[in-house]
Amino acid sequence: MTCDRLVCANCAGPVSEARCTVCRAQRNRLHRQGPLAALTPPALLALLLALLSVLFVARQMAF
């Protein structure tokens, strides 16, 4: 998730502008998270299924 479209409940400004301490804290927290934090549960499930299928094909080719 990016902070471009988030609106602060404290100052009603965009979180990306970091007008208040709440905005700054939220923006910093979002930027500290890793790249997989933005993935939704269906995307994580699809990634897991893709990995399992690749492992299955690799195992079949080994035998």
N, C-alpha and C. Protein backbone atom coordinates (compact mmCIF):
# COMPACT_ATOMS: atom_id res chain seq x y z
N MET A 1 0.85 -1.17 0.00
CA MET A 1 0.00 0.00 0.00
C MET A 1 0.89 1.23 0.00
N THR A 2 0.49 2.22 -0.73
CA THR A 2 1.23 3.47 -0.76
C THR A 2 0.44 4.52 0.02
N CYS A 3 1.10 5.58 0.39
CA CYS A 3 0.44 6.62 1.16
C CYS A 3 -0.07 7.75 0.26
N ASP A 4 -0.07 7.55 -1.04
CA ASP A 4 -0.51 8.59 -1.97
C ASP A 4 -2.00 8.92 -1.81
N ARG A 5 -2.82 7.92 -1.58
CA ARG A 5 -4.26 8.14 -1.51
C ARG A 5 -4.82 8.15 -0.10
N LEU A 6 -3.97 7.96 0.89
CA LEU A 6 -4.45 7.94 2.27
C LEU A 6 -4.66 9.36 2.79
N VAL A 7 -5.74 9.53 3.56
CA VAL A 7 -6.04 10.82 4.17
C VAL A 7 -5.93 10.66 5.68
N CYS A 8 -5.24 11.58 6.30
CA CYS A 8 -5.02 11.53 7.75
C CYS A 8 -6.30 11.88 8.49
N ALA A 9 -6.63 11.12 9.51
CA ALA A 9 -7.81 11.40 10.33
C ALA A 9 -7.54 12.54 11.30
N ASN A 10 -6.29 12.85 11.53
CA ASN A 10 -5.94 13.90 12.48
C ASN A 10 -6.00 15.29 11.84
N CYS A 11 -5.39 15.45 10.68
CA CYS A 11 -5.33 16.78 10.05
C CYS A 11 -6.11 16.88 8.74
N ALA A 12 -6.68 15.76 8.28
CA ALA A 12 -7.46 15.69 7.03
C ALA A 12 -6.63 16.02 5.79
N GLY A 13 -5.34 15.92 5.89
CA GLY A 13 -4.46 16.15 4.75
C GLY A 13 -3.95 14.83 4.22
N PRO A 14 -3.36 14.84 3.03
CA PRO A 14 -2.78 13.61 2.48
C PRO A 14 -1.62 13.13 3.35
N VAL A 15 -1.57 11.84 3.60
CA VAL A 15 -0.50 11.28 4.42
C VAL A 15 0.85 11.48 3.74
N SER A 16 0.88 11.50 2.43
CA SER A 16 2.14 11.66 1.70
C SER A 16 2.80 13.01 1.97
N GLU A 17 2.00 14.03 2.35
CA GLU A 17 2.58 15.35 2.65
C GLU A 17 3.11 15.44 4.07
N ALA A 18 2.66 14.55 4.96
CA ALA A 18 3.14 14.47 6.35
C ALA A 18 3.03 15.82 7.07
N ARG A 19 1.83 16.35 7.10
CA ARG A 19 1.61 17.65 7.74
C ARG A 19 1.70 17.60 9.26
N CYS A 20 1.29 16.48 9.85
CA CYS A 20 1.31 16.38 11.32
C CYS A 20 2.11 15.15 11.75
N THR A 21 2.26 14.98 13.06
CA THR A 21 3.05 13.86 13.57
C THR A 21 2.40 12.51 13.26
N VAL A 22 1.07 12.47 13.23
CA VAL A 22 0.37 11.22 12.91
C VAL A 22 0.67 10.83 11.46
N CYS A 23 0.61 11.80 10.55
CA CYS A 23 0.93 11.54 9.14
C CYS A 23 2.37 11.05 8.98
N ARG A 24 3.28 11.71 9.64
CA ARG A 24 4.69 11.33 9.52
C ARG A 24 4.92 9.92 10.04
N ALA A 25 4.29 9.58 11.17
CA ALA A 25 4.46 8.24 11.74
C ALA A 25 3.90 7.18 10.80
N GLN A 26 2.72 7.42 10.23
CA GLN A 26 2.11 6.46 9.32
C GLN A 26 2.93 6.32 8.04
N ARG A 27 3.40 7.43 7.50
CA ARG A 27 4.21 7.38 6.29
C ARG A 27 5.50 6.61 6.53
N ASN A 28 6.14 6.85 7.67
CA ASN A 28 7.37 6.13 7.99
C ASN A 28 7.11 4.64 8.17
N ARG A 29 5.99 4.29 8.80
CA ARG A 29 5.67 2.89 9.01
C ARG A 29 5.42 2.19 7.67
N LEU A 30 4.73 2.85 6.76
CA LEU A 30 4.46 2.26 5.45
C LEU A 30 5.74 2.09 4.64
N HIS A 31 6.66 3.01 4.77
CA HIS A 31 7.90 2.95 3.98
C HIS A 31 8.89 1.95 4.55
N ARG A 32 8.76 1.61 5.83
CA ARG A 32 9.66 0.63 6.45
C ARG A 32 9.30 -0.80 6.09
N GLN A 33 8.05 -1.04 5.74
CA GLN A 33 7.62 -2.40 5.43
C GLN A 33 8.28 -2.89 4.16
N GLY A 34 8.42 -4.19 4.06
CA GLY A 34 9.06 -4.79 2.90
C GLY A 34 8.16 -4.80 1.68
N PRO A 35 8.69 -5.26 0.55
CA PRO A 35 7.91 -5.26 -0.68
C PRO A 35 6.75 -6.25 -0.67
N LEU A 36 6.81 -7.28 0.15
CA LEU A 36 5.72 -8.25 0.21
C LEU A 36 4.56 -7.77 1.07
N ALA A 37 4.74 -6.68 1.79
CA ALA A 37 3.67 -6.18 2.64
C ALA A 37 2.50 -5.64 1.82
N ALA A 38 2.74 -5.27 0.59
CA ALA A 38 1.69 -4.71 -0.25
C ALA A 38 0.85 -5.79 -0.92
N LEU A 39 1.27 -7.04 -0.84
CA LEU A 39 0.53 -8.11 -1.49
C LEU A 39 -0.74 -8.46 -0.73
N THR A 40 -1.79 -8.68 -1.45
CA THR A 40 -3.06 -9.07 -0.85
C THR A 40 -3.05 -10.58 -0.62
N PRO A 41 -3.92 -11.09 0.23
CA PRO A 41 -3.97 -12.54 0.45
C PRO A 41 -4.19 -13.36 -0.83
N PRO A 42 -5.07 -12.94 -1.76
CA PRO A 42 -5.17 -13.72 -3.00
C PRO A 42 -3.87 -13.71 -3.82
N ALA A 43 -3.15 -12.61 -3.81
CA ALA A 43 -1.88 -12.55 -4.53
C ALA A 43 -0.84 -13.46 -3.87
N LEU A 44 -0.83 -13.50 -2.55
CA LEU A 44 0.09 -14.40 -1.86
C LEU A 44 -0.25 -15.86 -2.15
N LEU A 45 -1.54 -16.18 -2.21
CA LEU A 45 -1.96 -17.54 -2.52
C LEU A 45 -1.56 -17.91 -3.95
N ALA A 46 -1.73 -16.99 -4.88
CA ALA A 46 -1.33 -17.24 -6.27
C ALA A 46 0.19 -17.44 -6.36
N LEU A 47 0.94 -16.66 -5.62
CA LEU A 47 2.40 -16.81 -5.60
C LEU A 47 2.80 -18.17 -5.04
N LEU A 48 2.13 -18.59 -3.98
CA LEU A 48 2.41 -19.90 -3.38
C LEU A 48 2.07 -21.02 -4.35
N LEU A 49 0.93 -20.93 -5.02
CA LEU A 49 0.55 -21.96 -5.99
C LEU A 49 1.52 -22.01 -7.16
N ALA A 50 1.98 -20.87 -7.62
CA ALA A 50 2.96 -20.84 -8.70
C ALA A 50 4.27 -21.50 -8.27
N LEU A 51 4.70 -21.22 -7.05
CA LEU A 51 5.92 -21.83 -6.54
C LEU A 51 5.77 -23.34 -6.42
N LEU A 52 4.63 -23.80 -5.91
CA LEU A 52 4.40 -25.23 -5.79
C LEU A 52 4.35 -25.92 -7.15
N SER A 53 3.76 -25.27 -8.14
CA SER A 53 3.71 -25.87 -9.47
C SER A 53 5.10 -25.95 -10.09
N VAL A 54 5.92 -24.95 -9.88
CA VAL A 54 7.30 -25.00 -10.39
C VAL A 54 8.07 -26.12 -9.71
N LEU A 55 7.89 -26.28 -8.40
CA LEU A 55 8.57 -27.36 -7.69
C LEU A 55 8.09 -28.73 -8.17
N PHE A 56 6.80 -28.85 -8.44
CA PHE A 56 6.25 -30.11 -8.94
C PHE A 56 6.83 -30.46 -10.30
N VAL A 57 6.89 -29.50 -11.20
CA VAL A 57 7.44 -29.74 -12.54
C VAL A 57 8.92 -30.09 -12.44
N ALA A 58 9.65 -29.40 -11.59
CA ALA A 58 11.08 -29.68 -11.44
C ALA A 58 11.29 -31.09 -10.89
N ARG A 59 10.43 -31.50 -9.99
CA ARG A 59 10.54 -32.86 -9.42
C ARG A 59 10.23 -33.90 -10.49
N GLN A 60 9.23 -33.66 -11.31
CA GLN A 60 8.88 -34.60 -12.37
C GLN A 60 10.00 -34.72 -13.41
N MET A 61 10.67 -33.64 -13.69
CA MET A 61 11.77 -33.67 -14.67
C MET A 61 13.00 -34.39 -14.10
N ALA A 62 13.14 -34.36 -12.78
CA ALA A 62 14.31 -35.00 -12.17
C ALA A 62 14.22 -36.53 -12.25
N PHE A 63 13.01 -37.05 -12.31
CA PHE A 63 12.86 -38.51 -12.35
C PHE A 63 12.70 -39.03 -13.70
